[in-house]
Amino acid sequence: MILYNITISVLLEAEQEWLQWMKEVHIPEVMATGLPVENRMLRLLMEMDNGGATYTCQYYFKSMADYDIYQAVYQPRLMQKHHERYKERYVSFRTLLEEV
């Protein structure tokens, strides 16, 4: 199993609208690709006061091949849509993990 983890810190003034959009629009669009088999969204409970709230969006893929297809075909458009909507109101980084 491959875990694609996106950690996102969003400004507090955008947090609630962003969270609703993620749950109602973005995550369903990612899952509609048919490539992730599961997803989770979690909020970081212990963080420094940086003017934002930190979340992690986790997508599970059966194989690296499924993840590669997602990255090549779907991820650029979905990432761009997120960036255009929330530019200058978030920062993010991504990690890729393999279950052992």
PDB file of N, CA and C in Angstrom:
ATOM      1  N   MET A   1       0.857  -1.173   0.000  1.00  0.00           N
ATOM      2  CA  MET A   1       0.000   0.000   0.000  1.00  0.00           C
ATOM      3  C   MET A   1       0.904   1.236   0.000  1.00  0.00           C
ATOM      4  N   ILE A   2       0.532   2.217  -0.799  1.00  0.00           N
ATOM      5  CA  ILE A   2       1.267   3.475  -0.916  1.00  0.00           C
ATOM      6  C   ILE A   2       0.427   4.575  -0.281  1.00  0.00           C
ATOM      7  N   LEU A   3       1.043   5.365   0.586  1.00  0.00           N
ATOM      8  CA  LEU A   3       0.367   6.488   1.229  1.00  0.00           C
ATOM      9  C   LEU A   3       0.947   7.793   0.695  1.00  0.00           C
ATOM     10  N   TYR A   4       0.087   8.579   0.081  1.00  0.00           N
ATOM     11  CA  TYR A   4       0.433   9.912  -0.401  1.00  0.00           C
ATOM     12  C   TYR A   4      -0.116  10.889   0.622  1.00  0.00           C
ATOM     13  N   ASN A   5       0.763  11.586   1.318  1.00  0.00           N
ATOM     14  CA  ASN A   5       0.394  12.462   2.415  1.00  0.00           C
ATOM     15  C   ASN A   5       0.688  13.912   2.041  1.00  0.00           C
ATOM     16  N   ILE A   6      -0.320  14.772   2.157  1.00  0.00           N
ATOM     17  CA  ILE A   6      -0.141  16.192   1.888  1.00  0.00           C
ATOM     18  C   ILE A   6      -0.410  16.931   3.187  1.00  0.00           C
ATOM     19  N   THR A   7       0.594  17.633   3.699  1.00  0.00           N
ATOM     20  CA  THR A   7       0.461  18.430   4.903  1.00  0.00           C
ATOM     21  C   THR A   7       0.250  19.875   4.474  1.00  0.00           C
ATOM     22  N   ILE A   8      -0.826  20.476   4.992  1.00  0.00           N
ATOM     23  CA  ILE A   8      -1.231  21.814   4.561  1.00  0.00           C
ATOM     24  C   ILE A   8      -1.476  22.685   5.787  1.00  0.00           C
ATOM     25  N   SER A   9      -0.842  23.859   5.796  1.00  0.00           N
ATOM     26  CA  SER A   9      -1.121  24.863   6.816  1.00  0.00           C
ATOM     27  C   SER A   9      -1.881  25.986   6.129  1.00  0.00           C
ATOM     28  N   VAL A  10      -3.095  26.239   6.602  1.00  0.00           N
ATOM     29  CA  VAL A  10      -3.964  27.240   5.994  1.00  0.00           C
ATOM     30  C   VAL A  10      -4.195  28.367   7.005  1.00  0.00           C
ATOM     31  N   LEU A  11      -4.214  29.605   6.520  1.00  0.00           N
ATOM     32  CA  LEU A  11      -4.441  30.744   7.399  1.00  0.00           C
ATOM     33  C   LEU A  11      -5.771  30.605   8.128  1.00  0.00           C
ATOM     34  N   LEU A  12      -5.793  31.035   9.383  1.00  0.00           N
ATOM     35  CA  LEU A  12      -6.995  30.879  10.205  1.00  0.00           C
ATOM     36  C   LEU A  12      -8.219  31.530   9.583  1.00  0.00           C
ATOM     37  N   GLU A  13      -8.046  32.678   8.933  1.00  0.00           N
ATOM     38  CA  GLU A  13      -9.216  33.357   8.360  1.00  0.00           C
ATOM     39  C   GLU A  13      -9.819  32.587   7.181  1.00  0.00           C
ATOM     40  N   ALA A  14      -9.083  31.672   6.596  1.00  0.00           N
ATOM     41  CA  ALA A  14      -9.588  30.874   5.476  1.00  0.00           C
ATOM     42  C   ALA A  14      -9.933  29.444   5.893  1.00  0.00           C
ATOM     43  N   GLU A  15      -9.617  29.076   7.124  1.00  0.00           N
ATOM     44  CA  GLU A  15      -9.695  27.682   7.546  1.00  0.00           C
ATOM     45  C   GLU A  15     -11.067  27.043   7.337  1.00  0.00           C
ATOM     46  N   GLN A  16     -12.132  27.644   7.826  1.00  0.00           N
ATOM     47  CA  GLN A  16     -13.441  26.994   7.768  1.00  0.00           C
ATOM     48  C   GLN A  16     -13.946  26.837   6.340  1.00  0.00           C
ATOM     49  N   GLU A  17     -13.767  27.874   5.526  1.00  0.00           N
ATOM     50  CA  GLU A  17     -14.197  27.785   4.130  1.00  0.00           C
ATOM     51  C   GLU A  17     -13.356  26.748   3.389  1.00  0.00           C
ATOM     52  N   TRP A  18     -12.037  26.736   3.660  1.00  0.00           N
ATOM     53  CA  TRP A  18     -11.126  25.767   3.036  1.00  0.00           C
ATOM     54  C   TRP A  18     -11.523  24.336   3.440  1.00  0.00           C
ATOM     55  N   LEU A  19     -11.778  24.143   4.714  1.00  0.00           N
ATOM     56  CA  LEU A  19     -12.124  22.808   5.213  1.00  0.00           C
ATOM     57  C   LEU A  19     -13.409  22.301   4.561  1.00  0.00           C
ATOM     58  N   GLN A  20     -14.396  23.152   4.458  1.00  0.00           N
ATOM     59  CA  GLN A  20     -15.648  22.767   3.803  1.00  0.00           C
ATOM     60  C   GLN A  20     -15.402  22.427   2.337  1.00  0.00           C
ATOM     61  N   TRP A  21     -14.620  23.257   1.630  1.00  0.00           N
ATOM     62  CA  TRP A  21     -14.326  23.016   0.219  1.00  0.00           C
ATOM     63  C   TRP A  21     -13.553  21.707   0.034  1.00  0.00           C
ATOM     64  N   MET A  22     -12.607  21.448   0.919  1.00  0.00           N
ATOM     65  CA  MET A  22     -11.844  20.199   0.833  1.00  0.00           C
ATOM     66  C   MET A  22     -12.775  18.994   0.980  1.00  0.00           C
ATOM     67  N   LYS A  23     -13.648  19.033   1.965  1.00  0.00           N
ATOM     68  CA  LYS A  23     -14.528  17.900   2.235  1.00  0.00           C
ATOM     69  C   LYS A  23     -15.609  17.710   1.174  1.00  0.00           C
ATOM     70  N   GLU A  24     -16.128  18.817   0.654  1.00  0.00           N
ATOM     71  CA  GLU A  24     -17.253  18.731  -0.278  1.00  0.00           C
ATOM     72  C   GLU A  24     -16.850  18.694  -1.747  1.00  0.00           C
ATOM     73  N   VAL A  25     -15.674  19.229  -2.074  1.00  0.00           N
ATOM     74  CA  VAL A  25     -15.276  19.338  -3.479  1.00  0.00           C
ATOM     75  C   VAL A  25     -13.975  18.599  -3.770  1.00  0.00           C
ATOM     76  N   HIS A  26     -12.888  19.037  -3.148  1.00  0.00           N
ATOM     77  CA  HIS A  26     -11.569  18.543  -3.544  1.00  0.00           C
ATOM     78  C   HIS A  26     -11.374  17.044  -3.281  1.00  0.00           C
ATOM     79  N   ILE A  27     -11.594  16.615  -2.061  1.00  0.00           N
ATOM     80  CA  ILE A  27     -11.388  15.198  -1.743  1.00  0.00           C
ATOM     81  C   ILE A  27     -12.315  14.303  -2.581  1.00  0.00           C
ATOM     82  N   PRO A  28     -13.604  14.648  -2.739  1.00  0.00           N
ATOM     83  CA  PRO A  28     -14.438  13.839  -3.636  1.00  0.00           C
ATOM     84  C   PRO A  28     -13.908  13.795  -5.070  1.00  0.00           C
ATOM     85  N   GLU A  29     -13.335  14.890  -5.568  1.00  0.00           N
ATOM     86  CA  GLU A  29     -12.756  14.871  -6.918  1.00  0.00           C
ATOM     87  C   GLU A  29     -11.554  13.942  -6.996  1.00  0.00           C
ATOM     88  N   VAL A  30     -10.713  13.962  -5.965  1.00  0.00           N
ATOM     89  CA  VAL A  30      -9.564  13.046  -5.942  1.00  0.00           C
ATOM     90  C   VAL A  30     -10.052  11.600  -5.918  1.00  0.00           C
ATOM     91  N   MET A  31     -11.012  11.308  -5.057  1.00  0.00           N
ATOM     92  CA  MET A  31     -11.507   9.938  -4.941  1.00  0.00           C
ATOM     93  C   MET A  31     -12.237   9.493  -6.203  1.00  0.00           C
ATOM     94  N   ALA A  32     -12.853  10.430  -6.918  1.00  0.00           N
ATOM     95  CA  ALA A  32     -13.586  10.097  -8.149  1.00  0.00           C
ATOM     96  C   ALA A  32     -12.663   9.639  -9.271  1.00  0.00           C
ATOM     97  N   THR A  33     -11.363   9.855  -9.136  1.00  0.00           N
ATOM     98  CA  THR A  33     -10.430   9.342 -10.151  1.00  0.00           C
ATOM     99  C   THR A  33     -10.412   7.813 -10.139  1.00  0.00           C
ATOM    100  N   GLY A  34     -10.854   7.217  -9.027  1.00  0.00           N
ATOM    101  CA  GLY A  34     -10.871   5.766  -8.915  1.00  0.00           C
ATOM    102  C   GLY A  34      -9.532   5.165  -8.552  1.00  0.00           C
ATOM    103  N   LEU A  35      -8.535   5.989  -8.326  1.00  0.00           N
ATOM    104  CA  LEU A  35      -7.195   5.467  -8.036  1.00  0.00           C
ATOM    105  C   LEU A  35      -6.900   5.324  -6.544  1.00  0.00           C
ATOM    106  N   PRO A  36      -7.178   6.319  -5.717  1.00  0.00           N
ATOM    107  CA  PRO A  36      -7.012   6.071  -4.280  1.00  0.00           C
ATOM    108  C   PRO A  36      -8.120   5.131  -3.810  1.00  0.00           C
ATOM    109  N   VAL A  37      -7.782   4.240  -2.905  1.00  0.00           N
ATOM    110  CA  VAL A  37      -8.772   3.302  -2.386  1.00  0.00           C
ATOM    111  C   VAL A  37      -9.329   3.748  -1.042  1.00  0.00           C
ATOM    112  N   GLU A  38      -8.672   4.728  -0.436  1.00  0.00           N
ATOM    113  CA  GLU A  38      -9.098   5.215   0.876  1.00  0.00           C
ATOM    114  C   GLU A  38      -8.494   6.595   1.079  1.00  0.00           C
ATOM    115  N   ASN A  39      -9.127   7.380   1.925  1.00  0.00           N
ATOM    116  CA  ASN A  39      -8.537   8.667   2.277  1.00  0.00           C
ATOM    117  C   ASN A  39      -8.861   9.004   3.720  1.00  0.00           C
ATOM    118  N   ARG A  40      -8.060   9.882   4.270  1.00  0.00           N
ATOM    119  CA  ARG A  40      -8.276  10.399   5.617  1.00  0.00           C
ATOM    120  C   ARG A  40      -7.850  11.861   5.632  1.00  0.00           C
ATOM    121  N   MET A  41      -8.510  12.620   6.481  1.00  0.00           N
ATOM    122  CA  MET A  41      -8.097  14.005   6.716  1.00  0.00           C
ATOM    123  C   MET A  41      -7.999  14.186   8.215  1.00  0.00           C
ATOM    124  N   LEU A  42      -6.845  14.690   8.649  1.00  0.00           N
ATOM    125  CA  LEU A  42      -6.604  14.859  10.072  1.00  0.00           C
ATOM    126  C   LEU A  42      -6.107  16.269  10.351  1.00  0.00           C
ATOM    127  N   ARG A  43      -6.375  16.741  11.570  1.00  0.00           N
ATOM    128  CA  ARG A  43      -5.903  18.062  11.996  1.00  0.00           C
ATOM    129  C   ARG A  43      -4.815  17.872  13.035  1.00  0.00           C
ATOM    130  N   LEU A  44      -3.737  18.607  12.871  1.00  0.00           N
ATOM    131  CA  LEU A  44      -2.633  18.585  13.826  1.00  0.00           C
ATOM    132  C   LEU A  44      -3.098  19.267  15.106  1.00  0.00           C
ATOM    133  N   LEU A  45      -2.971  18.576  16.242  1.00  0.00           N
ATOM    134  CA  LEU A  45      -3.454  19.117  17.506  1.00  0.00           C
ATOM    135  C   LEU A  45      -2.415  19.958  18.234  1.00  0.00           C
ATOM    136  N   MET A  46      -1.164  19.590  18.100  1.00  0.00           N
ATOM    137  CA  MET A  46      -0.102  20.314  18.806  1.00  0.00           C
ATOM    138  C   MET A  46       0.747  21.039  17.778  1.00  0.00           C
ATOM    139  N   GLU A  47       0.566  22.354  17.706  1.00  0.00           N
ATOM    140  CA  GLU A  47       1.354  23.115  16.750  1.00  0.00           C
ATOM    141  C   GLU A  47       1.705  24.469  17.325  1.00  0.00           C
ATOM    142  N   MET A  48       2.707  25.081  16.727  1.00  0.00           N
ATOM    143  CA  MET A  48       3.124  26.409  17.134  1.00  0.00           C
ATOM    144  C   MET A  48       2.103  27.419  16.633  1.00  0.00           C
ATOM    145  N   ASP A  49       2.030  28.552  17.295  1.00  0.00           N
ATOM    146  CA  ASP A  49       1.141  29.621  16.851  1.00  0.00           C
ATOM    147  C   ASP A  49       1.776  30.301  15.649  1.00  0.00           C
ATOM    148  N   ASN A  50       1.313  29.931  14.473  1.00  0.00           N
ATOM    149  CA  ASN A  50       1.879  30.481  13.242  1.00  0.00           C
ATOM    150  C   ASN A  50       0.814  31.199  12.407  1.00  0.00           C
ATOM    151  N   GLY A  51      -0.347  31.447  13.026  1.00  0.00           N
ATOM    152  CA  GLY A  51      -1.413  32.123  12.317  1.00  0.00           C
ATOM    153  C   GLY A  51      -2.222  31.212  11.420  1.00  0.00           C
ATOM    154  N   GLY A  52      -1.963  29.907  11.520  1.00  0.00           N
ATOM    155  CA  GLY A  52      -2.669  28.961  10.671  1.00  0.00           C
ATOM    156  C   GLY A  52      -3.019  27.683  11.407  1.00  0.00           C
ATOM    157  N   ALA A  53      -3.794  26.858  10.737  1.00  0.00           N
ATOM    158  CA  ALA A  53      -4.148  25.529  11.232  1.00  0.00           C
ATOM    159  C   ALA A  53      -3.552  24.523  10.256  1.00  0.00           C
ATOM    160  N   THR A  54      -3.040  23.427  10.793  1.00  0.00           N
ATOM    161  CA  THR A  54      -2.365  22.438   9.962  1.00  0.00           C
ATOM    162  C   THR A  54      -3.181  21.159   9.882  1.00  0.00           C
ATOM    163  N   TYR A  55      -3.326  20.679   8.659  1.00  0.00           N
ATOM    164  CA  TYR A  55      -4.066  19.456   8.369  1.00  0.00           C
ATOM    165  C   TYR A  55      -3.191  18.536   7.535  1.00  0.00           C
ATOM    166  N   THR A  56      -3.546  17.268   7.532  1.00  0.00           N
ATOM    167  CA  THR A  56      -2.926  16.328   6.623  1.00  0.00           C
ATOM    168  C   THR A  56      -4.029  15.589   5.871  1.00  0.00           C
ATOM    169  N   CYS A  57      -3.886  15.540   4.561  1.00  0.00           N
ATOM    170  CA  CYS A  57      -4.782  14.770   3.700  1.00  0.00           C
ATOM    171  C   CYS A  57      -4.013  13.538   3.264  1.00  0.00           C
ATOM    172  N   GLN A  58      -4.562  12.386   3.522  1.00  0.00           N
ATOM    173  CA  GLN A  58      -3.892  11.131   3.217  1.00  0.00           C
ATOM    174  C   GLN A  58      -4.720  10.340   2.211  1.00  0.00           C
ATOM    175  N   TYR A  59      -4.030   9.904   1.167  1.00  0.00           N
ATOM    176  CA  TYR A  59      -4.658   9.092   0.124  1.00  0.00           C
ATOM    177  C   TYR A  59      -3.880   7.793   0.009  1.00  0.00           C
ATOM    178  N   TYR A  60      -4.606   6.678   0.035  1.00  0.00           N
ATOM    179  CA  TYR A  60      -3.994   5.353  -0.028  1.00  0.00           C
ATOM    180  C   TYR A  60      -4.203   4.766  -1.417  1.00  0.00           C
ATOM    181  N   PHE A  61      -3.119   4.272  -1.992  1.00  0.00           N
ATOM    182  CA  PHE A  61      -3.133   3.650  -3.315  1.00  0.00           C
ATOM    183  C   PHE A  61      -2.698   2.197  -3.171  1.00  0.00           C
ATOM    184  N   LYS A  62      -3.330   1.314  -3.962  1.00  0.00           N
ATOM    185  CA  LYS A  62      -2.971  -0.107  -3.920  1.00  0.00           C
ATOM    186  C   LYS A  62      -1.547  -0.360  -4.375  1.00  0.00           C
ATOM    187  N   SER A  63      -1.084   0.451  -5.345  1.00  0.00           N
ATOM    188  CA  SER A  63       0.244   0.199  -5.920  1.00  0.00           C
ATOM    189  C   SER A  63       0.904   1.507  -6.341  1.00  0.00           C
ATOM    190  N   MET A  64       2.193   1.434  -6.554  1.00  0.00           N
ATOM    191  CA  MET A  64       2.933   2.586  -7.059  1.00  0.00           C
ATOM    192  C   MET A  64       2.466   2.937  -8.460  1.00  0.00           C
ATOM    193  N   ALA A  65       2.051   1.953  -9.233  1.00  0.00           N
ATOM    194  CA  ALA A  65       1.548   2.205 -10.588  1.00  0.00           C
ATOM    195  C   ALA A  65       0.284   3.066 -10.535  1.00  0.00           C
ATOM    196  N   ASP A  66      -0.621   2.789  -9.597  1.00  0.00           N
ATOM    197  CA  ASP A  66      -1.827   3.606  -9.442  1.00  0.00           C
ATOM    198  C   ASP A  66      -1.471   5.029  -9.042  1.00  0.00           C
ATOM    199  N   TYR A  67      -0.532   5.164  -8.128  1.00  0.00           N
ATOM    200  CA  TYR A  67      -0.081   6.497  -7.712  1.00  0.00           C
ATOM    201  C   TYR A  67       0.533   7.247  -8.896  1.00  0.00           C
ATOM    202  N   ASP A  68       1.362   6.568  -9.677  1.00  0.00           N
ATOM    203  CA  ASP A  68       2.003   7.197 -10.842  1.00  0.00           C
ATOM    204  C   ASP A  68       0.960   7.697 -11.845  1.00  0.00           C
ATOM    205  N   ILE A  69      -0.079   6.919 -12.077  1.00  0.00           N
ATOM    206  CA  ILE A  69      -1.158   7.353 -12.983  1.00  0.00           C
ATOM    207  C   ILE A  69      -1.834   8.590 -12.417  1.00  0.00           C
ATOM    208  N   TYR A  70      -2.132   8.565 -11.126  1.00  0.00           N
ATOM    209  CA  TYR A  70      -2.763   9.723 -10.495  1.00  0.00           C
ATOM    210  C   TYR A  70      -1.883  10.965 -10.679  1.00  0.00           C
ATOM    211  N   GLN A  71      -0.602  10.835 -10.410  1.00  0.00           N
ATOM    212  CA  GLN A  71       0.327  11.966 -10.525  1.00  0.00           C
ATOM    213  C   GLN A  71       0.413  12.494 -11.951  1.00  0.00           C
ATOM    214  N   ALA A  72       0.436  11.612 -12.910  1.00  0.00           N
ATOM    215  CA  ALA A  72       0.605  12.026 -14.304  1.00  0.00           C
ATOM    216  C   ALA A  72      -0.672  12.593 -14.916  1.00  0.00           C
ATOM    217  N   VAL A  73      -1.805  12.008 -14.590  1.00  0.00           N
ATOM    218  CA  VAL A  73      -3.044  12.345 -15.286  1.00  0.00           C
ATOM    219  C   VAL A  73      -3.916  13.345 -14.516  1.00  0.00           C
ATOM    220  N   TYR A  74      -4.034  13.198 -13.205  1.00  0.00           N
ATOM    221  CA  TYR A  74      -5.023  13.961 -12.442  1.00  0.00           C
ATOM    222  C   TYR A  74      -4.439  15.022 -11.512  1.00  0.00           C
ATOM    223  N   GLN A  75      -3.344  14.704 -10.869  1.00  0.00           N
ATOM    224  CA  GLN A  75      -2.824  15.579  -9.826  1.00  0.00           C
ATOM    225  C   GLN A  75      -2.515  17.001 -10.289  1.00  0.00           C
ATOM    226  N   PRO A  76      -1.902  17.225 -11.456  1.00  0.00           N
ATOM    227  CA  PRO A  76      -1.592  18.613 -11.842  1.00  0.00           C
ATOM    228  C   PRO A  76      -2.828  19.518 -11.906  1.00  0.00           C
ATOM    229  N   ARG A  77      -3.912  19.044 -12.483  1.00  0.00           N
ATOM    230  CA  ARG A  77      -5.137  19.845 -12.590  1.00  0.00           C
ATOM    231  C   ARG A  77      -5.761  20.088 -11.219  1.00  0.00           C
ATOM    232  N   LEU A  78      -5.829  19.058 -10.385  1.00  0.00           N
ATOM    233  CA  LEU A  78      -6.426  19.206  -9.066  1.00  0.00           C
ATOM    234  C   LEU A  78      -5.592  20.115  -8.172  1.00  0.00           C
ATOM    235  N   MET A  79      -4.287  19.985  -8.264  1.00  0.00           N
ATOM    236  CA  MET A  79      -3.397  20.835  -7.480  1.00  0.00           C
ATOM    237  C   MET A  79      -3.510  22.297  -7.922  1.00  0.00           C
ATOM    238  N   GLN A  80      -3.605  22.526  -9.218  1.00  0.00           N
ATOM    239  CA  GLN A  80      -3.739  23.878  -9.747  1.00  0.00           C
ATOM    240  C   GLN A  80      -5.055  24.521  -9.296  1.00  0.00           C
ATOM    241  N   LYS A  81      -6.106  23.743  -9.301  1.00  0.00           N
ATOM    242  CA  LYS A  81      -7.409  24.246  -8.861  1.00  0.00           C
ATOM    243  C   LYS A  81      -7.341  24.696  -7.400  1.00  0.00           C
ATOM    244  N   HIS A  82      -6.698  23.894  -6.556  1.00  0.00           N
ATOM    245  CA  HIS A  82      -6.518  24.244  -5.144  1.00  0.00           C
ATOM    246  C   HIS A  82      -5.668  25.507  -5.025  1.00  0.00           C
ATOM    247  N   HIS A  83      -4.583  25.548  -5.754  1.00  0.00           N
ATOM    248  CA  HIS A  83      -3.672  26.696  -5.668  1.00  0.00           C
ATOM    249  C   HIS A  83      -4.371  27.993  -6.101  1.00  0.00           C
ATOM    250  N   GLU A  84      -5.104  27.946  -7.178  1.00  0.00           N
ATOM    251  CA  GLU A  84      -5.788  29.152  -7.656  1.00  0.00           C
ATOM    252  C   GLU A  84      -6.816  29.649  -6.642  1.00  0.00           C
ATOM    253  N   ARG A  85      -7.474  28.746  -5.968  1.00  0.00           N
ATOM    254  CA  ARG A  85      -8.510  29.129  -5.007  1.00  0.00           C
ATOM    255  C   ARG A  85      -7.917  29.676  -3.709  1.00  0.00           C
ATOM    256  N   TYR A  86      -6.773  29.136  -3.273  1.00  0.00           N
ATOM    257  CA  TYR A  86      -6.218  29.475  -1.957  1.00  0.00           C
ATOM    258  C   TYR A  86      -4.809  30.062  -2.002  1.00  0.00           C
ATOM    259  N   LYS A  87      -4.356  30.532  -3.144  1.00  0.00           N
ATOM    260  CA  LYS A  87      -2.998  31.083  -3.245  1.00  0.00           C
ATOM    261  C   LYS A  87      -2.778  32.154  -2.182  1.00  0.00           C
ATOM    262  N   GLU A  88      -1.581  32.127  -1.640  1.00  0.00           N
ATOM    263  CA  GLU A  88      -1.134  33.055  -0.596  1.00  0.00           C
ATOM    264  C   GLU A  88      -1.881  32.884   0.727  1.00  0.00           C
ATOM    265  N   ARG A  89      -2.674  31.818   0.847  1.00  0.00           N
ATOM    266  CA  ARG A  89      -3.364  31.546   2.114  1.00  0.00           C
ATOM    267  C   ARG A  89      -3.017  30.168   2.670  1.00  0.00           C
ATOM    268  N   TYR A  90      -2.056  29.490   2.029  1.00  0.00           N
ATOM    269  CA  TYR A  90      -1.652  28.177   2.513  1.00  0.00           C
ATOM    270  C   TYR A  90      -0.210  27.883   2.112  1.00  0.00           C
ATOM    271  N   VAL A  91       0.379  26.939   2.815  1.00  0.00           N
ATOM    272  CA  VAL A  91       1.645  26.332   2.407  1.00  0.00           C
ATOM    273  C   VAL A  91       1.461  24.832   2.568  1.00  0.00           C
ATOM    274  N   SER A  92       2.195  24.065   1.775  1.00  0.00           N
ATOM    275  CA  SER A  92       2.040  22.615   1.858  1.00  0.00           C
ATOM    276  C   SER A  92       3.334  21.911   1.495  1.00  0.00           C
ATOM    277  N   PHE A  93       3.415  20.672   1.913  1.00  0.00           N
ATOM    278  CA  PHE A  93       4.471  19.782   1.445  1.00  0.00           C
ATOM    279  C   PHE A  93       3.914  18.378   1.379  1.00  0.00           C
ATOM    280  N   ARG A  94       4.556  17.562   0.562  1.00  0.00           N
ATOM    281  CA  ARG A  94       4.066  16.224   0.288  1.00  0.00           C
ATOM    282  C   ARG A  94       5.105  15.172   0.667  1.00  0.00           C
ATOM    283  N   THR A  95       4.603  14.036   1.114  1.00  0.00           N
ATOM    284  CA  THR A  95       5.456  12.885   1.393  1.00  0.00           C
ATOM    285  C   THR A  95       4.799  11.642   0.799  1.00  0.00           C
ATOM    286  N   LEU A  96       5.624  10.710   0.419  1.00  0.00           N
ATOM    287  CA  LEU A  96       5.150   9.450  -0.148  1.00  0.00           C
ATOM    288  C   LEU A  96       5.737   8.332   0.714  1.00  0.00           C
ATOM    289  N   LEU A  97       4.867   7.463   1.201  1.00  0.00           N
ATOM    290  CA  LEU A  97       5.293   6.402   2.105  1.00  0.00           C
ATOM    291  C   LEU A  97       4.793   5.052   1.595  1.00  0.00           C
ATOM    292  N   GLU A  98       5.508   4.026   1.969  1.00  0.00           N
ATOM    293  CA  GLU A  98       5.124   2.674   1.613  1.00  0.00           C
ATOM    294  C   GLU A  98       4.881   1.873   2.883  1.00  0.00           C
ATOM    295  N   GLU A  99       3.747   1.181   2.936  1.00  0.00           N
ATOM    296  CA  GLU A  99       3.463   0.321   4.084  1.00  0.00           C
ATOM    297  C   GLU A  99       4.394  -0.878   4.052  1.00  0.00           C
ATOM    298  N   VAL A 100       4.959  -1.204   5.199  1.00  0.00           N
ATOM    299  CA  VAL A 100       5.873  -2.349   5.291  1.00  0.00           C
ATOM    300  C   VAL A 100       5.351  -3.383   6.273  1.00  0.00           C
TER     301      VAL A 100
END
